[in-house]
Amino acid sequence: MEQAKIDRISHLAHKAKTIGLTPEEVLEQAALRQEYVAAVLGNLKGQLDNTYVVDEKGRKTKLKRKGEM
């Protein structure tokens, strides 16, 4: 996610706490937050897809999703 969008989220959050948001800004804030959460989850999933667990014998095992055993 671009830094400009993150800055806009912060600006809208600050404005919401101080003077309030217009209905258009509320919709914009919700859309930006949803985009931010999707980006964070995508990054986390990518990181976990490349994570291995090393056992005491030094064998690497790729992490599996819950229920994929």
PDB file of N, CA and C in Angstrom:
ATOM      1  N   MET A   1       0.846  -1.164   0.000  1.00  0.00           N
ATOM      2  CA  MET A   1       0.000   0.000   0.000  1.00  0.00           C
ATOM      3  C   MET A   1       0.904   1.243   0.000  1.00  0.00           C
ATOM      4  N   GLU A   2       0.496   2.231  -0.738  1.00  0.00           N
ATOM      5  CA  GLU A   2       1.299   3.443  -0.875  1.00  0.00           C
ATOM      6  C   GLU A   2       1.271   4.270   0.404  1.00  0.00           C
ATOM      7  N   GLN A   3       2.371   4.963   0.659  1.00  0.00           N
ATOM      8  CA  GLN A   3       2.477   5.784   1.856  1.00  0.00           C
ATOM      9  C   GLN A   3       1.419   6.898   1.868  1.00  0.00           C
ATOM     10  N   ALA A   4       1.072   7.409   0.705  1.00  0.00           N
ATOM     11  CA  ALA A   4       0.064   8.470   0.629  1.00  0.00           C
ATOM     12  C   ALA A   4      -1.284   7.984   1.168  1.00  0.00           C
ATOM     13  N   LYS A   5      -1.638   6.739   0.883  1.00  0.00           N
ATOM     14  CA  LYS A   5      -2.906   6.195   1.376  1.00  0.00           C
ATOM     15  C   LYS A   5      -2.855   5.975   2.884  1.00  0.00           C
ATOM     16  N   ILE A   6      -1.715   5.534   3.385  1.00  0.00           N
ATOM     17  CA  ILE A   6      -1.565   5.344   4.827  1.00  0.00           C
ATOM     18  C   ILE A   6      -1.660   6.697   5.535  1.00  0.00           C
ATOM     19  N   ASP A   7      -1.030   7.707   4.948  1.00  0.00           N
ATOM     20  CA  ASP A   7      -1.117   9.058   5.514  1.00  0.00           C
ATOM     21  C   ASP A   7      -2.567   9.565   5.512  1.00  0.00           C
ATOM     22  N   ARG A   8      -3.302   9.248   4.465  1.00  0.00           N
ATOM     23  CA  ARG A   8      -4.703   9.669   4.374  1.00  0.00           C
ATOM     24  C   ARG A   8      -5.534   8.973   5.459  1.00  0.00           C
ATOM     25  N   ILE A   9      -5.271   7.699   5.717  1.00  0.00           N
ATOM     26  CA  ILE A   9      -5.967   6.973   6.786  1.00  0.00           C
ATOM     27  C   ILE A   9      -5.710   7.672   8.119  1.00  0.00           C
ATOM     28  N   SER A  10      -4.465   8.027   8.363  1.00  0.00           N
ATOM     29  CA  SER A  10      -4.104   8.700   9.617  1.00  0.00           C
ATOM     30  C   SER A  10      -4.791  10.059   9.720  1.00  0.00           C
ATOM     31  N   HIS A  11      -4.808  10.787   8.617  1.00  0.00           N
ATOM     32  CA  HIS A  11      -5.461  12.101   8.605  1.00  0.00           C
ATOM     33  C   HIS A  11      -6.952  11.972   8.919  1.00  0.00           C
ATOM     34  N   LEU A  12      -7.603  11.010   8.284  1.00  0.00           N
ATOM     35  CA  LEU A  12      -9.041  10.826   8.512  1.00  0.00           C
ATOM     36  C   LEU A  12      -9.316  10.375   9.946  1.00  0.00           C
ATOM     37  N   ALA A  13      -8.454   9.537  10.501  1.00  0.00           N
ATOM     38  CA  ALA A  13      -8.637   9.090  11.886  1.00  0.00           C
ATOM     39  C   ALA A  13      -8.511  10.270  12.837  1.00  0.00           C
ATOM     40  N   HIS A  14      -7.520  11.124  12.601  1.00  0.00           N
ATOM     41  CA  HIS A  14      -7.346  12.300  13.455  1.00  0.00           C
ATOM     42  C   HIS A  14      -8.542  13.245  13.329  1.00  0.00           C
ATOM     43  N   LYS A  15      -8.977  13.443  12.107  1.00  0.00           N
ATOM     44  CA  LYS A  15     -10.115  14.340  11.872  1.00  0.00           C
ATOM     45  C   LYS A  15     -11.388  13.792  12.520  1.00  0.00           C
ATOM     46  N   ALA A  16     -11.562  12.472  12.468  1.00  0.00           N
ATOM     47  CA  ALA A  16     -12.746  11.850  13.067  1.00  0.00           C
ATOM     48  C   ALA A  16     -12.766  12.084  14.579  1.00  0.00           C
ATOM     49  N   LYS A  17     -11.587  12.076  15.200  1.00  0.00           N
ATOM     50  CA  LYS A  17     -11.517  12.276  16.648  1.00  0.00           C
ATOM     51  C   LYS A  17     -11.709  13.736  17.045  1.00  0.00           C
ATOM     52  N   THR A  18     -11.367  14.655  16.154  1.00  0.00           N
ATOM     53  CA  THR A  18     -11.428  16.070  16.520  1.00  0.00           C
ATOM     54  C   THR A  18     -12.731  16.728  16.092  1.00  0.00           C
ATOM     55  N   ILE A  19     -12.973  16.820  14.788  1.00  0.00           N
ATOM     56  CA  ILE A  19     -14.150  17.565  14.327  1.00  0.00           C
ATOM     57  C   ILE A  19     -15.204  16.699  13.657  1.00  0.00           C
ATOM     58  N   GLY A  20     -14.890  15.455  13.387  1.00  0.00           N
ATOM     59  CA  GLY A  20     -15.852  14.560  12.749  1.00  0.00           C
ATOM     60  C   GLY A  20     -15.653  14.504  11.241  1.00  0.00           C
ATOM     61  N   LEU A  21     -16.258  13.498  10.646  1.00  0.00           N
ATOM     62  CA  LEU A  21     -16.115  13.255   9.207  1.00  0.00           C
ATOM     63  C   LEU A  21     -17.442  13.482   8.489  1.00  0.00           C
ATOM     64  N   THR A  22     -17.340  13.846   7.215  1.00  0.00           N
ATOM     65  CA  THR A  22     -18.525  13.927   6.371  1.00  0.00           C
ATOM     66  C   THR A  22     -18.900  12.504   5.956  1.00  0.00           C
ATOM     67  N   PRO A  23     -20.115  12.287   5.478  1.00  0.00           N
ATOM     68  CA  PRO A  23     -20.489  10.937   5.021  1.00  0.00           C
ATOM     69  C   PRO A  23     -19.556  10.400   3.923  1.00  0.00           C
ATOM     70  N   GLU A  24     -19.080  11.269   3.051  1.00  0.00           N
ATOM     71  CA  GLU A  24     -18.160  10.827   1.989  1.00  0.00           C
ATOM     72  C   GLU A  24     -16.826  10.386   2.579  1.00  0.00           C
ATOM     73  N   GLU A  25     -16.371  11.111   3.594  1.00  0.00           N
ATOM     74  CA  GLU A  25     -15.105  10.762   4.235  1.00  0.00           C
ATOM     75  C   GLU A  25     -15.212   9.461   5.020  1.00  0.00           C
ATOM     76  N   VAL A  26     -16.377   9.213   5.595  1.00  0.00           N
ATOM     77  CA  VAL A  26     -16.591   7.955   6.312  1.00  0.00           C
ATOM     78  C   VAL A  26     -16.469   6.779   5.334  1.00  0.00           C
ATOM     79  N   LEU A  27     -17.065   6.921   4.159  1.00  0.00           N
ATOM     80  CA  LEU A  27     -16.969   5.867   3.142  1.00  0.00           C
ATOM     81  C   LEU A  27     -15.531   5.704   2.655  1.00  0.00           C
ATOM     82  N   GLU A  28     -14.841   6.819   2.452  1.00  0.00           N
ATOM     83  CA  GLU A  28     -13.444   6.763   2.010  1.00  0.00           C
ATOM     84  C   GLU A  28     -12.583   6.081   3.068  1.00  0.00           C
ATOM     85  N   GLN A  29     -12.815   6.409   4.336  1.00  0.00           N
ATOM     86  CA  GLN A  29     -12.046   5.821   5.424  1.00  0.00           C
ATOM     87  C   GLN A  29     -12.272   4.303   5.484  1.00  0.00           C
ATOM     88  N   ALA A  30     -13.510   3.879   5.332  1.00  0.00           N
ATOM     89  CA  ALA A  30     -13.815   2.441   5.372  1.00  0.00           C
ATOM     90  C   ALA A  30     -13.134   1.713   4.223  1.00  0.00           C
ATOM     91  N   ALA A  31     -13.164   2.303   3.026  1.00  0.00           N
ATOM     92  CA  ALA A  31     -12.529   1.672   1.864  1.00  0.00           C
ATOM     93  C   ALA A  31     -11.010   1.591   2.045  1.00  0.00           C
ATOM     94  N   LEU A  32     -10.424   2.659   2.543  1.00  0.00           N
ATOM     95  CA  LEU A  32      -8.971   2.661   2.758  1.00  0.00           C
ATOM     96  C   LEU A  32      -8.568   1.657   3.832  1.00  0.00           C
ATOM     97  N   ARG A  33      -9.339   1.580   4.892  1.00  0.00           N
ATOM     98  CA  ARG A  33      -9.046   0.604   5.952  1.00  0.00           C
ATOM     99  C   ARG A  33      -9.140  -0.822   5.431  1.00  0.00           C
ATOM    100  N   GLN A  34     -10.163  -1.091   4.617  1.00  0.00           N
ATOM    101  CA  GLN A  34     -10.328  -2.431   4.056  1.00  0.00           C
ATOM    102  C   GLN A  34      -9.140  -2.770   3.149  1.00  0.00           C
ATOM    103  N   GLU A  35      -8.701  -1.818   2.350  1.00  0.00           N
ATOM    104  CA  GLU A  35      -7.544  -2.030   1.477  1.00  0.00           C
ATOM    105  C   GLU A  35      -6.283  -2.269   2.304  1.00  0.00           C
ATOM    106  N   TYR A  36      -6.133  -1.529   3.395  1.00  0.00           N
ATOM    107  CA  TYR A  36      -4.966  -1.682   4.262  1.00  0.00           C
ATOM    108  C   TYR A  36      -4.945  -3.071   4.905  1.00  0.00           C
ATOM    109  N   VAL A  37      -6.067  -3.508   5.432  1.00  0.00           N
ATOM    110  CA  VAL A  37      -6.150  -4.827   6.068  1.00  0.00           C
ATOM    111  C   VAL A  37      -5.839  -5.923   5.047  1.00  0.00           C
ATOM    112  N   ALA A  38      -6.356  -5.794   3.828  1.00  0.00           N
ATOM    113  CA  ALA A  38      -6.076  -6.786   2.787  1.00  0.00           C
ATOM    114  C   ALA A  38      -4.584  -6.830   2.463  1.00  0.00           C
ATOM    115  N   ALA A  39      -3.942  -5.675   2.427  1.00  0.00           N
ATOM    116  CA  ALA A  39      -2.504  -5.624   2.143  1.00  0.00           C
ATOM    117  C   ALA A  39      -1.708  -6.278   3.263  1.00  0.00           C
ATOM    118  N   VAL A  40      -2.065  -6.004   4.508  1.00  0.00           N
ATOM    119  CA  VAL A  40      -1.356  -6.590   5.652  1.00  0.00           C
ATOM    120  C   VAL A  40      -1.527  -8.099   5.665  1.00  0.00           C
ATOM    121  N   LEU A  41      -2.745  -8.566   5.444  1.00  0.00           N
ATOM    122  CA  LEU A  41      -2.994 -10.015   5.428  1.00  0.00           C
ATOM    123  C   LEU A  41      -2.251 -10.687   4.277  1.00  0.00           C
ATOM    124  N   GLY A  42      -2.215 -10.044   3.122  1.00  0.00           N
ATOM    125  CA  GLY A  42      -1.476 -10.605   1.988  1.00  0.00           C
ATOM    126  C   GLY A  42       0.004 -10.716   2.284  1.00  0.00           C
ATOM    127  N   ASN A  43       0.571  -9.683   2.911  1.00  0.00           N
ATOM    128  CA  ASN A  43       1.985  -9.738   3.283  1.00  0.00           C
ATOM    129  C   ASN A  43       2.252 -10.829   4.304  1.00  0.00           C
ATOM    130  N   LEU A  44       1.371 -10.978   5.281  1.00  0.00           N
ATOM    131  CA  LEU A  44       1.533 -12.003   6.299  1.00  0.00           C
ATOM    132  C   LEU A  44       1.455 -13.399   5.692  1.00  0.00           C
ATOM    133  N   LYS A  45       0.486 -13.619   4.812  1.00  0.00           N
ATOM    134  CA  LYS A  45       0.357 -14.926   4.168  1.00  0.00           C
ATOM    135  C   LYS A  45       1.589 -15.248   3.337  1.00  0.00           C
ATOM    136  N   GLY A  46       2.112 -14.249   2.621  1.00  0.00           N
ATOM    137  CA  GLY A  46       3.326 -14.454   1.838  1.00  0.00           C
ATOM    138  C   GLY A  46       4.508 -14.814   2.709  1.00  0.00           C
ATOM    139  N   GLN A  47       4.617 -14.156   3.853  1.00  0.00           N
ATOM    140  CA  GLN A  47       5.707 -14.438   4.769  1.00  0.00           C
ATOM    141  C   GLN A  47       5.575 -15.841   5.363  1.00  0.00           C
ATOM    142  N   LEU A  48       4.366 -16.219   5.756  1.00  0.00           N
ATOM    143  CA  LEU A  48       4.156 -17.552   6.330  1.00  0.00           C
ATOM    144  C   LEU A  48       4.343 -18.654   5.290  1.00  0.00           C
ATOM    145  N   ASP A  49       4.048 -18.367   4.021  1.00  0.00           N
ATOM    146  CA  ASP A  49       4.260 -19.357   2.966  1.00  0.00           C
ATOM    147  C   ASP A  49       5.735 -19.672   2.772  1.00  0.00           C
ATOM    148  N   ASN A  50       6.602 -18.779   3.203  1.00  0.00           N
ATOM    149  CA  ASN A  50       8.044 -18.984   3.064  1.00  0.00           C
ATOM    150  C   ASN A  50       8.716 -19.242   4.408  1.00  0.00           C
ATOM    151  N   THR A  51       7.975 -19.762   5.380  1.00  0.00           N
ATOM    152  CA  THR A  51       8.507 -20.032   6.707  1.00  0.00           C
ATOM    153  C   THR A  51       8.646 -21.536   6.908  1.00  0.00           C
ATOM    154  N   TYR A  52       9.781 -21.911   7.472  1.00  0.00           N
ATOM    155  CA  TYR A  52      10.063 -23.308   7.768  1.00  0.00           C
ATOM    156  C   TYR A  52      10.327 -23.477   9.252  1.00  0.00           C
ATOM    157  N   VAL A  53       9.982 -24.647   9.777  1.00  0.00           N
ATOM    158  CA  VAL A  53      10.262 -24.998  11.156  1.00  0.00           C
ATOM    159  C   VAL A  53      11.412 -26.003  11.127  1.00  0.00           C
ATOM    160  N   VAL A  54      12.421 -25.763  11.966  1.00  0.00           N
ATOM    161  CA  VAL A  54      13.564 -26.670  12.039  1.00  0.00           C
ATOM    162  C   VAL A  54      13.437 -27.481  13.313  1.00  0.00           C
ATOM    163  N   ASP A  55      13.429 -28.823  13.180  1.00  0.00           N
ATOM    164  CA  ASP A  55      13.317 -29.667  14.370  1.00  0.00           C
ATOM    165  C   ASP A  55      14.692 -29.864  15.015  1.00  0.00           C
ATOM    166  N   GLU A  56      14.702 -30.631  16.093  1.00  0.00           N
ATOM    167  CA  GLU A  56      15.944 -30.815  16.845  1.00  0.00           C
ATOM    168  C   GLU A  56      17.031 -31.550  16.066  1.00  0.00           C
ATOM    169  N   LYS A  57      16.671 -32.272  15.014  1.00  0.00           N
ATOM    170  CA  LYS A  57      17.654 -32.975  14.179  1.00  0.00           C
ATOM    171  C   LYS A  57      18.108 -32.119  13.006  1.00  0.00           C
ATOM    172  N   GLY A  58      17.592 -30.923  12.902  1.00  0.00           N
ATOM    173  CA  GLY A  58      18.005 -30.011  11.847  1.00  0.00           C
ATOM    174  C   GLY A  58      17.216 -30.133  10.553  1.00  0.00           C
ATOM    175  N   ARG A  59      16.134 -30.904  10.574  1.00  0.00           N
ATOM    176  CA  ARG A  59      15.312 -31.050   9.367  1.00  0.00           C
ATOM    177  C   ARG A  59      14.354 -29.881   9.244  1.00  0.00           C
ATOM    178  N   LYS A  60      14.254 -29.347   8.041  1.00  0.00           N
ATOM    179  CA  LYS A  60      13.332 -28.242   7.778  1.00  0.00           C
ATOM    180  C   LYS A  60      11.987 -28.801   7.332  1.00  0.00           C
ATOM    181  N   THR A  61      10.930 -28.245   7.871  1.00  0.00           N
ATOM    182  CA  THR A  61       9.574 -28.618   7.483  1.00  0.00           C
ATOM    183  C   THR A  61       8.815 -27.336   7.181  1.00  0.00           C
ATOM    184  N   LYS A  62       8.219 -27.304   5.999  1.00  0.00           N
ATOM    185  CA  LYS A  62       7.446 -26.128   5.603  1.00  0.00           C
ATOM    186  C   LYS A  62       6.179 -26.056   6.442  1.00  0.00           C
ATOM    187  N   LEU A  63       5.827 -24.844   6.854  1.00  0.00           N
ATOM    188  CA  LEU A  63       4.572 -24.668   7.611  1.00  0.00           C
ATOM    189  C   LEU A  63       3.393 -25.032   6.725  1.00  0.00           C
ATOM    190  N   LYS A  64       2.389 -25.623   7.351  1.00  0.00           N
ATOM    191  CA  LYS A  64       1.181 -25.991   6.639  1.00  0.00           C
ATOM    192  C   LYS A  64       0.015 -25.258   7.263  1.00  0.00           C
ATOM    193  N   ARG A  65      -1.000 -25.039   6.478  1.00  0.00           N
ATOM    194  CA  ARG A  65      -2.207 -24.399   6.995  1.00  0.00           C
ATOM    195  C   ARG A  65      -2.896 -25.370   7.952  1.00  0.00           C
ATOM    196  N   LYS A  66      -3.629 -24.812   8.907  1.00  0.00           N
ATOM    197  CA  LYS A  66      -4.346 -25.609   9.881  1.00  0.00           C
ATOM    198  C   LYS A  66      -5.295 -26.555   9.145  1.00  0.00           C
ATOM    199  N   GLY A  67      -5.236 -27.822   9.462  1.00  0.00           N
ATOM    200  CA  GLY A  67      -6.094 -28.815   8.829  1.00  0.00           C
ATOM    201  C   GLY A  67      -5.490 -29.455   7.587  1.00  0.00           C
ATOM    202  N   GLU A  68      -4.266 -29.066   7.187  1.00  0.00           N
ATOM    203  CA  GLU A  68      -3.621 -29.617   5.988  1.00  0.00           C
ATOM    204  C   GLU A  68      -2.661 -30.756   6.315  1.00  0.00           C
ATOM    205  N   MET A  69      -2.772 -31.369   7.417  1.00  0.00           N
ATOM    206  CA  MET A  69      -1.787 -32.351   7.831  1.00  0.00           C
ATOM    207  C   MET A  69      -2.015 -33.621   7.156  1.00  0.00           C
TER     208      MET A  69
END
